[in-house]
Amino acid sequence: MMKNAESYGQTIIETLRANAQEENRQPMENYMRNHFPFLGIKSPERKELWKEFFRINGKPELEWLEALAYFLYAQPEREFHYAALSMIDVHKKSLTIQHLPFLEKLITSNSWWDTIDHLAPHHVGTILLKDKKAVGSFPDNWINSPNFWLQRSAILYQLKYKKMTDEEKLFFYISSTKNSKEFFVQKAIGWALREYSKTSPKVVMDFIQKTDLAPLSRREGVKHMERQGLKVT
């Protein structure tokens, strides 16, 4: 089994390049508005590749996970950035607050909604659910950042929390960014409200009714409640 980030990462590069699918490349690039070049390997195929890859090469070591992720993020094609997230997934339960600066760097590197929406709820959210004291040092700072991807991450890190959601914190973040003109912030607000409305519809309804949200945020936020027959005025 490989014992360092560079050799392991190089094997990932060779594996993905060997499985490139030219016919999918342009449609995938178009879907992501041509922000990144692609190899044309879709998500289901990548998942199957990793099963075989781990069987042959073993899983990455936690001690060099950060170096591996940075190595993969330095590659141009988007599939390598996805690969970094898949490698982090392997150690998701072992992530601690010490990994938050690393995750913050990934959030602000090669930033687009596809990677942010994995990093924030799956990785950052996992850490902060275990150790809430770090909220003050990271999401509380992110929500005031000029980087809207950090703002989006602060809004979305609790997306999977359900009954464990700190609604006071969620609503504070939303209130702090509700006047943002940035599409990805407005959309994140609506998504977070819609998801939490599945757990606490009355609380979310009350918040939406008394808060002057952007039309996009409100429209997205009420979708689930309206499907359930609830009227939000």
C-alpha atoms as a PDB file:
ATOM      1  CA  MET A   1       0.000   0.000   0.000  1.00  0.00           C
ATOM      2  CA  MET A   2       1.206   3.522  -0.809  1.00  0.00           C
ATOM      3  CA  LYS A   3       2.549   5.507   2.123  1.00  0.00           C
ATOM      4  CA  ASN A   4       2.521   9.123   1.009  1.00  0.00           C
ATOM      5  CA  ALA A   5       0.227  11.703  -0.526  1.00  0.00           C
ATOM      6  CA  GLU A   6       2.168  12.233  -3.735  1.00  0.00           C
ATOM      7  CA  SER A   7       2.380   8.594  -4.824  1.00  0.00           C
ATOM      8  CA  TYR A   8      -1.229   7.958  -3.821  1.00  0.00           C
ATOM      9  CA  GLY A   9      -2.362  11.125  -5.569  1.00  0.00           C
ATOM     10  CA  GLN A  10      -0.439  10.254  -8.699  1.00  0.00           C
ATOM     11  CA  THR A  11      -2.224   6.915  -8.835  1.00  0.00           C
ATOM     12  CA  ILE A  12      -5.553   8.751  -8.547  1.00  0.00           C
ATOM     13  CA  ILE A  13      -4.544  10.974 -11.460  1.00  0.00           C
ATOM     14  CA  GLU A  14      -3.575   7.982 -13.592  1.00  0.00           C
ATOM     15  CA  THR A  15      -6.811   6.174 -12.713  1.00  0.00           C
ATOM     16  CA  LEU A  16      -9.077   9.087 -13.585  1.00  0.00           C
ATOM     17  CA  ARG A  17      -7.260   9.979 -16.787  1.00  0.00           C
ATOM     18  CA  ALA A  18      -7.443   6.351 -17.912  1.00  0.00           C
ATOM     19  CA  ASN A  19     -11.218   6.453 -17.464  1.00  0.00           C
ATOM     20  CA  ALA A  20     -11.900   9.793 -19.164  1.00  0.00           C
ATOM     21  CA  GLN A  21     -15.034   9.814 -21.319  1.00  0.00           C
ATOM     22  CA  GLU A  22     -14.687  12.394 -24.061  1.00  0.00           C
ATOM     23  CA  GLU A  23     -18.368  12.263 -25.025  1.00  0.00           C
ATOM     24  CA  ASN A  24     -19.353  13.556 -21.584  1.00  0.00           C
ATOM     25  CA  ARG A  25     -16.699  16.226 -21.266  1.00  0.00           C
ATOM     26  CA  GLN A  26     -18.381  19.141 -23.031  1.00  0.00           C
ATOM     27  CA  PRO A  27     -21.856  18.640 -21.519  1.00  0.00           C
ATOM     28  CA  MET A  28     -20.337  18.487 -18.023  1.00  0.00           C
ATOM     29  CA  GLU A  29     -18.281  21.614 -18.668  1.00  0.00           C
ATOM     30  CA  ASN A  30     -21.347  23.419 -19.981  1.00  0.00           C
ATOM     31  CA  TYR A  31     -23.373  22.426 -16.910  1.00  0.00           C
ATOM     32  CA  MET A  32     -20.736  24.050 -14.708  1.00  0.00           C
ATOM     33  CA  ARG A  33     -20.713  27.128 -16.952  1.00  0.00           C
ATOM     34  CA  ASN A  34     -17.226  26.305 -18.198  1.00  0.00           C
ATOM     35  CA  HIS A  35     -15.576  27.244 -14.923  1.00  0.00           C
ATOM     36  CA  PHE A  36     -13.473  24.049 -15.002  1.00  0.00           C
ATOM     37  CA  PRO A  37     -12.251  21.513 -17.562  1.00  0.00           C
ATOM     38  CA  PHE A  38     -13.637  18.008 -17.099  1.00  0.00           C
ATOM     39  CA  LEU A  39     -12.542  14.494 -17.942  1.00  0.00           C
ATOM     40  CA  GLY A  40     -16.150  13.477 -18.539  1.00  0.00           C
ATOM     41  CA  ILE A  41     -16.480  10.947 -15.693  1.00  0.00           C
ATOM     42  CA  LYS A  42     -19.945  11.120 -14.143  1.00  0.00           C
ATOM     43  CA  SER A  43     -20.683  10.604 -10.462  1.00  0.00           C
ATOM     44  CA  PRO A  44     -21.950   6.971 -10.661  1.00  0.00           C
ATOM     45  CA  GLU A  45     -18.848   5.941 -12.604  1.00  0.00           C
ATOM     46  CA  ARG A  46     -16.577   7.722 -10.139  1.00  0.00           C
ATOM     47  CA  LYS A  47     -18.185   5.908  -7.216  1.00  0.00           C
ATOM     48  CA  GLU A  48     -17.538   2.562  -8.874  1.00  0.00           C
ATOM     49  CA  LEU A  49     -13.972   3.570  -9.661  1.00  0.00           C
ATOM     50  CA  TRP A  50     -13.274   4.354  -6.000  1.00  0.00           C
ATOM     51  CA  LYS A  51     -14.545   0.958  -4.854  1.00  0.00           C
ATOM     52  CA  GLU A  52     -12.031  -0.790  -7.083  1.00  0.00           C
ATOM     53  CA  PHE A  53      -9.345   1.802  -6.390  1.00  0.00           C
ATOM     54  CA  PHE A  54      -9.568   1.312  -2.620  1.00  0.00           C
ATOM     55  CA  ARG A  55      -9.555  -2.468  -3.047  1.00  0.00           C
ATOM     56  CA  ILE A  56      -6.275  -2.301  -4.948  1.00  0.00           C
ATOM     57  CA  ASN A  57      -4.528   0.655  -3.315  1.00  0.00           C
ATOM     58  CA  GLY A  58      -6.063   0.834   0.131  1.00  0.00           C
ATOM     59  CA  LYS A  59      -7.589   3.969   1.600  1.00  0.00           C
ATOM     60  CA  PRO A  60      -5.700   7.227   2.166  1.00  0.00           C
ATOM     61  CA  GLU A  61      -4.027   7.780   5.514  1.00  0.00           C
ATOM     62  CA  LEU A  62      -5.450  10.478   7.767  1.00  0.00           C
ATOM     63  CA  GLU A  63      -1.950  11.812   8.480  1.00  0.00           C
ATOM     64  CA  TRP A  64      -1.438  12.870   4.862  1.00  0.00           C
ATOM     65  CA  LEU A  65      -5.051  13.522   3.891  1.00  0.00           C
ATOM     66  CA  GLU A  66      -4.583  17.299   3.750  1.00  0.00           C
ATOM     67  CA  ALA A  67      -1.511  17.046   1.521  1.00  0.00           C
ATOM     68  CA  LEU A  68      -3.398  14.659  -0.757  1.00  0.00           C
ATOM     69  CA  ALA A  69      -6.377  17.010  -1.038  1.00  0.00           C
ATOM     70  CA  TYR A  70      -4.152  19.984  -1.849  1.00  0.00           C
ATOM     71  CA  PHE A  71      -2.325  17.895  -4.454  1.00  0.00           C
ATOM     72  CA  LEU A  72      -5.618  16.967  -6.118  1.00  0.00           C
ATOM     73  CA  TYR A  73      -6.975  20.511  -5.893  1.00  0.00           C
ATOM     74  CA  ALA A  74      -3.888  21.698  -7.787  1.00  0.00           C
ATOM     75  CA  GLN A  75      -4.965  19.664 -10.837  1.00  0.00           C
ATOM     76  CA  PRO A  76      -7.062  21.469 -13.459  1.00  0.00           C
ATOM     77  CA  GLU A  77      -9.862  18.990 -14.125  1.00  0.00           C
ATOM     78  CA  ARG A  78     -12.863  19.070 -11.819  1.00  0.00           C
ATOM     79  CA  GLU A  79     -12.905  15.318 -11.242  1.00  0.00           C
ATOM     80  CA  PHE A  80      -9.682  15.659  -9.245  1.00  0.00           C
ATOM     81  CA  HIS A  81     -11.363  18.155  -6.928  1.00  0.00           C
ATOM     82  CA  TYR A  82     -14.249  15.714  -6.525  1.00  0.00           C
ATOM     83  CA  ALA A  83     -11.680  13.018  -5.805  1.00  0.00           C
ATOM     84  CA  ALA A  84     -10.289  15.118  -2.954  1.00  0.00           C
ATOM     85  CA  LEU A  85     -13.771  15.293  -1.423  1.00  0.00           C
ATOM     86  CA  SER A  86     -14.183  11.535  -1.786  1.00  0.00           C
ATOM     87  CA  MET A  87     -10.875  10.973   0.003  1.00  0.00           C
ATOM     88  CA  ILE A  88     -11.994  13.273   2.833  1.00  0.00           C
ATOM     89  CA  ASP A  89     -15.266  11.323   3.020  1.00  0.00           C
ATOM     90  CA  VAL A  90     -13.236   8.241   3.957  1.00  0.00           C
ATOM     91  CA  HIS A  91     -12.129   9.970   7.170  1.00  0.00           C
ATOM     92  CA  LYS A  92     -15.225  12.104   7.768  1.00  0.00           C
ATOM     93  CA  LYS A  93     -15.835  10.691  11.249  1.00  0.00           C
ATOM     94  CA  SER A  94     -12.213  11.357  12.234  1.00  0.00           C
ATOM     95  CA  LEU A  95     -12.242  15.041  11.295  1.00  0.00           C
ATOM     96  CA  THR A  96     -11.736  17.475  14.182  1.00  0.00           C
ATOM     97  CA  ILE A  97     -11.640  21.233  14.691  1.00  0.00           C
ATOM     98  CA  GLN A  98      -7.963  21.071  13.722  1.00  0.00           C
ATOM     99  CA  HIS A  99      -9.132  20.305  10.177  1.00  0.00           C
ATOM    100  CA  LEU A 100     -11.297  23.438   9.875  1.00  0.00           C
ATOM    101  CA  PRO A 101      -8.517  25.707   8.511  1.00  0.00           C
ATOM    102  CA  PHE A 102      -7.830  23.027   5.890  1.00  0.00           C
ATOM    103  CA  LEU A 103     -11.505  22.843   4.918  1.00  0.00           C
ATOM    104  CA  GLU A 104     -11.717  26.630   4.825  1.00  0.00           C
ATOM    105  CA  LYS A 105      -8.860  26.664   2.345  1.00  0.00           C
ATOM    106  CA  LEU A 106     -10.690  24.172   0.125  1.00  0.00           C
ATOM    107  CA  ILE A 107     -13.882  26.233   0.344  1.00  0.00           C
ATOM    108  CA  THR A 108     -11.993  29.257  -0.961  1.00  0.00           C
ATOM    109  CA  SER A 109     -10.089  27.329  -3.654  1.00  0.00           C
ATOM    110  CA  ASN A 110     -11.591  26.330  -7.021  1.00  0.00           C
ATOM    111  CA  SER A 111     -14.873  27.545  -5.546  1.00  0.00           C
ATOM    112  CA  TRP A 112     -18.195  26.663  -7.101  1.00  0.00           C
ATOM    113  CA  TRP A 113     -21.465  25.393  -5.694  1.00  0.00           C
ATOM    114  CA  ASP A 114     -20.766  21.712  -6.379  1.00  0.00           C
ATOM    115  CA  THR A 115     -17.782  21.434  -4.027  1.00  0.00           C
ATOM    116  CA  ILE A 116     -19.044  23.982  -1.479  1.00  0.00           C
ATOM    117  CA  ASP A 117     -22.312  22.100  -1.053  1.00  0.00           C
ATOM    118  CA  HIS A 118     -20.390  18.969  -0.132  1.00  0.00           C
ATOM    119  CA  LEU A 119     -17.721  20.533   2.057  1.00  0.00           C
ATOM    120  CA  ALA A 120     -20.096  22.644   4.158  1.00  0.00           C
ATOM    121  CA  PRO A 121     -22.779  20.165   5.317  1.00  0.00           C
ATOM    122  CA  HIS A 122     -20.800  16.926   5.090  1.00  0.00           C
ATOM    123  CA  HIS A 123     -17.373  17.915   6.389  1.00  0.00           C
ATOM    124  CA  VAL A 124     -17.663  21.214   8.262  1.00  0.00           C
ATOM    125  CA  GLY A 125     -21.068  20.202   9.595  1.00  0.00           C
ATOM    126  CA  THR A 126     -19.758  16.875  10.891  1.00  0.00           C
ATOM    127  CA  ILE A 127     -16.982  18.600  12.842  1.00  0.00           C
ATOM    128  CA  LEU A 128     -19.135  21.354  14.327  1.00  0.00           C
ATOM    129  CA  LEU A 129     -21.833  18.946  15.437  1.00  0.00           C
ATOM    130  CA  LYS A 130     -19.202  17.246  17.602  1.00  0.00           C
ATOM    131  CA  ASP A 131     -17.466  20.418  18.774  1.00  0.00           C
ATOM    132  CA  LYS A 132     -19.734  23.451  18.776  1.00  0.00           C
ATOM    133  CA  LYS A 133     -17.204  25.783  20.379  1.00  0.00           C
ATOM    134  CA  ALA A 134     -15.467  26.157  17.028  1.00  0.00           C
ATOM    135  CA  VAL A 135     -18.567  27.827  15.563  1.00  0.00           C
ATOM    136  CA  GLY A 136     -17.405  31.146  16.991  1.00  0.00           C
ATOM    137  CA  SER A 137     -14.049  30.892  15.247  1.00  0.00           C
ATOM    138  CA  PHE A 138     -15.220  29.732  11.842  1.00  0.00           C
ATOM    139  CA  PRO A 139     -18.859  30.130  10.679  1.00  0.00           C
ATOM    140  CA  ASP A 140     -19.244  33.264  12.809  1.00  0.00           C
ATOM    141  CA  ASN A 141     -16.292  34.722  10.917  1.00  0.00           C
ATOM    142  CA  TRP A 142     -17.386  33.331   7.576  1.00  0.00           C
ATOM    143  CA  ILE A 143     -20.778  35.015   7.674  1.00  0.00           C
ATOM    144  CA  ASN A 144     -19.012  38.393   7.803  1.00  0.00           C
ATOM    145  CA  SER A 145     -16.475  37.512   5.134  1.00  0.00           C
ATOM    146  CA  PRO A 146     -16.428  39.310   1.769  1.00  0.00           C
ATOM    147  CA  ASN A 147     -16.111  35.820   0.253  1.00  0.00           C
ATOM    148  CA  PHE A 148     -19.682  34.756  -0.496  1.00  0.00           C
ATOM    149  CA  TRP A 149     -18.688  31.075  -0.647  1.00  0.00           C
ATOM    150  CA  LEU A 150     -17.726  31.296   3.020  1.00  0.00           C
ATOM    151  CA  GLN A 151     -21.057  32.986   3.710  1.00  0.00           C
ATOM    152  CA  ARG A 152     -22.844  30.175   1.881  1.00  0.00           C
ATOM    153  CA  SER A 153     -20.888  27.615   3.907  1.00  0.00           C
ATOM    154  CA  ALA A 154     -21.906  29.264   7.183  1.00  0.00           C
ATOM    155  CA  ILE A 155     -25.554  29.135   6.154  1.00  0.00           C
ATOM    156  CA  LEU A 156     -25.415  25.524   4.951  1.00  0.00           C
ATOM    157  CA  TYR A 157     -23.190  23.700   7.448  1.00  0.00           C
ATOM    158  CA  GLN A 158     -26.246  22.764   9.565  1.00  0.00           C
ATOM    159  CA  LEU A 159     -28.211  21.513   6.554  1.00  0.00           C
ATOM    160  CA  LYS A 160     -28.328  17.889   7.795  1.00  0.00           C
ATOM    161  CA  TYR A 161     -28.767  18.660  11.500  1.00  0.00           C
ATOM    162  CA  LYS A 162     -32.584  18.406  11.673  1.00  0.00           C
ATOM    163  CA  LYS A 163     -33.561  18.529  15.380  1.00  0.00           C
ATOM    164  CA  MET A 164     -29.979  19.336  16.337  1.00  0.00           C
ATOM    165  CA  THR A 165     -30.067  22.605  14.383  1.00  0.00           C
ATOM    166  CA  ASP A 166     -29.108  25.705  16.333  1.00  0.00           C
ATOM    167  CA  GLU A 167     -31.994  27.730  14.951  1.00  0.00           C
ATOM    168  CA  GLU A 168     -30.914  30.920  16.692  1.00  0.00           C
ATOM    169  CA  LYS A 169     -27.571  30.683  14.909  1.00  0.00           C
ATOM    170  CA  LEU A 170     -29.181  29.760  11.589  1.00  0.00           C
ATOM    171  CA  PHE A 171     -31.606  32.668  11.721  1.00  0.00           C
ATOM    172  CA  PHE A 172     -28.832  35.055  12.771  1.00  0.00           C
ATOM    173  CA  TYR A 173     -26.751  34.051   9.757  1.00  0.00           C
ATOM    174  CA  ILE A 174     -29.734  34.456   7.461  1.00  0.00           C
ATOM    175  CA  SER A 175     -30.633  37.843   8.929  1.00  0.00           C
ATOM    176  CA  SER A 176     -27.018  38.932   8.488  1.00  0.00           C
ATOM    177  CA  THR A 177     -27.001  38.106   4.770  1.00  0.00           C
ATOM    178  CA  LYS A 178     -30.647  38.516   3.718  1.00  0.00           C
ATOM    179  CA  ASN A 179     -29.887  41.717   1.805  1.00  0.00           C
ATOM    180  CA  SER A 180     -27.076  40.156  -0.209  1.00  0.00           C
ATOM    181  CA  LYS A 181     -27.435  40.538  -3.970  1.00  0.00           C
ATOM    182  CA  GLU A 182     -25.383  37.393  -4.531  1.00  0.00           C
ATOM    183  CA  PHE A 183     -27.438  34.594  -6.102  1.00  0.00           C
ATOM    184  CA  PHE A 184     -25.573  31.827  -4.283  1.00  0.00           C
ATOM    185  CA  VAL A 185     -26.214  33.435  -0.900  1.00  0.00           C
ATOM    186  CA  GLN A 186     -29.901  34.031  -1.614  1.00  0.00           C
ATOM    187  CA  LYS A 187     -30.251  30.457  -2.837  1.00  0.00           C
ATOM    188  CA  ALA A 188     -28.457  29.085   0.249  1.00  0.00           C
ATOM    189  CA  ILE A 189     -30.835  30.981   2.541  1.00  0.00           C
ATOM    190  CA  GLY A 190     -33.840  29.463   0.797  1.00  0.00           C
ATOM    191  CA  TRP A 191     -32.352  25.978   0.824  1.00  0.00           C
ATOM    192  CA  ALA A 192     -31.480  26.132   4.528  1.00  0.00           C
ATOM    193  CA  LEU A 193     -34.976  27.349   5.418  1.00  0.00           C
ATOM    194  CA  ARG A 194     -36.647  24.746   3.219  1.00  0.00           C
ATOM    195  CA  GLU A 195     -34.611  21.946   4.773  1.00  0.00           C
ATOM    196  CA  TYR A 196     -35.228  23.093   8.345  1.00  0.00           C
ATOM    197  CA  SER A 197     -38.950  23.515   7.618  1.00  0.00           C
ATOM    198  CA  LYS A 198     -39.093  19.712   7.300  1.00  0.00           C
ATOM    199  CA  THR A 199     -38.199  19.579  11.012  1.00  0.00           C
ATOM    200  CA  SER A 200     -39.771  22.747  12.450  1.00  0.00           C
ATOM    201  CA  PRO A 201     -42.305  24.153   9.975  1.00  0.00           C
ATOM    202  CA  LYS A 202     -43.993  26.564  12.387  1.00  0.00           C
ATOM    203  CA  VAL A 203     -40.702  28.104  13.499  1.00  0.00           C
ATOM    204  CA  VAL A 204     -39.579  28.551   9.900  1.00  0.00           C
ATOM    205  CA  MET A 205     -42.962  29.903   8.850  1.00  0.00           C
ATOM    206  CA  ASP A 206     -42.893  32.492  11.632  1.00  0.00           C
ATOM    207  CA  PHE A 207     -39.355  33.523  10.686  1.00  0.00           C
ATOM    208  CA  ILE A 208     -40.186  33.891   6.993  1.00  0.00           C
ATOM    209  CA  GLN A 209     -43.337  35.877   7.713  1.00  0.00           C
ATOM    210  CA  LYS A 210     -41.546  38.417   9.896  1.00  0.00           C
ATOM    211  CA  THR A 211     -38.320  38.657   7.858  1.00  0.00           C
ATOM    212  CA  ASP A 212     -37.884  40.702   4.700  1.00  0.00           C
ATOM    213  CA  LEU A 213     -36.185  38.087   2.546  1.00  0.00           C
ATOM    214  CA  ALA A 214     -35.127  38.371  -1.075  1.00  0.00           C
ATOM    215  CA  PRO A 215     -37.835  36.931  -3.368  1.00  0.00           C
ATOM    216  CA  LEU A 216     -35.584  34.009  -4.367  1.00  0.00           C
ATOM    217  CA  SER A 217     -34.833  33.119  -0.731  1.00  0.00           C
ATOM    218  CA  ARG A 218     -38.493  33.276   0.236  1.00  0.00           C
ATOM    219  CA  ARG A 219     -39.637  31.305  -2.801  1.00  0.00           C
ATOM    220  CA  GLU A 220     -37.148  28.520  -2.094  1.00  0.00           C
ATOM    221  CA  GLY A 221     -37.773  28.610   1.648  1.00  0.00           C
ATOM    222  CA  VAL A 222     -41.530  28.023   1.483  1.00  0.00           C
ATOM    223  CA  LYS A 223     -41.518  25.242  -1.138  1.00  0.00           C
ATOM    224  CA  HIS A 224     -41.743  22.280   1.236  1.00  0.00           C
ATOM    225  CA  MET A 225     -44.347  23.907   3.475  1.00  0.00           C
ATOM    226  CA  GLU A 226     -46.528  24.804   0.512  1.00  0.00           C
ATOM    227  CA  ARG A 227     -46.287  21.226  -0.765  1.00  0.00           C
ATOM    228  CA  GLN A 228     -47.588  20.169   2.649  1.00  0.00           C
ATOM    229  CA  GLY A 229     -50.560  22.500   2.269  1.00  0.00           C
ATOM    230  CA  LEU A 230     -49.286  25.175   4.658  1.00  0.00           C
ATOM    231  CA  LYS A 231     -50.019  28.761   3.721  1.00  0.00           C
ATOM    232  CA  VAL A 232     -47.176  31.215   4.278  1.00  0.00           C
ATOM    233  CA  THR A 233     -48.366  34.802   4.088  1.00  0.00           C
END
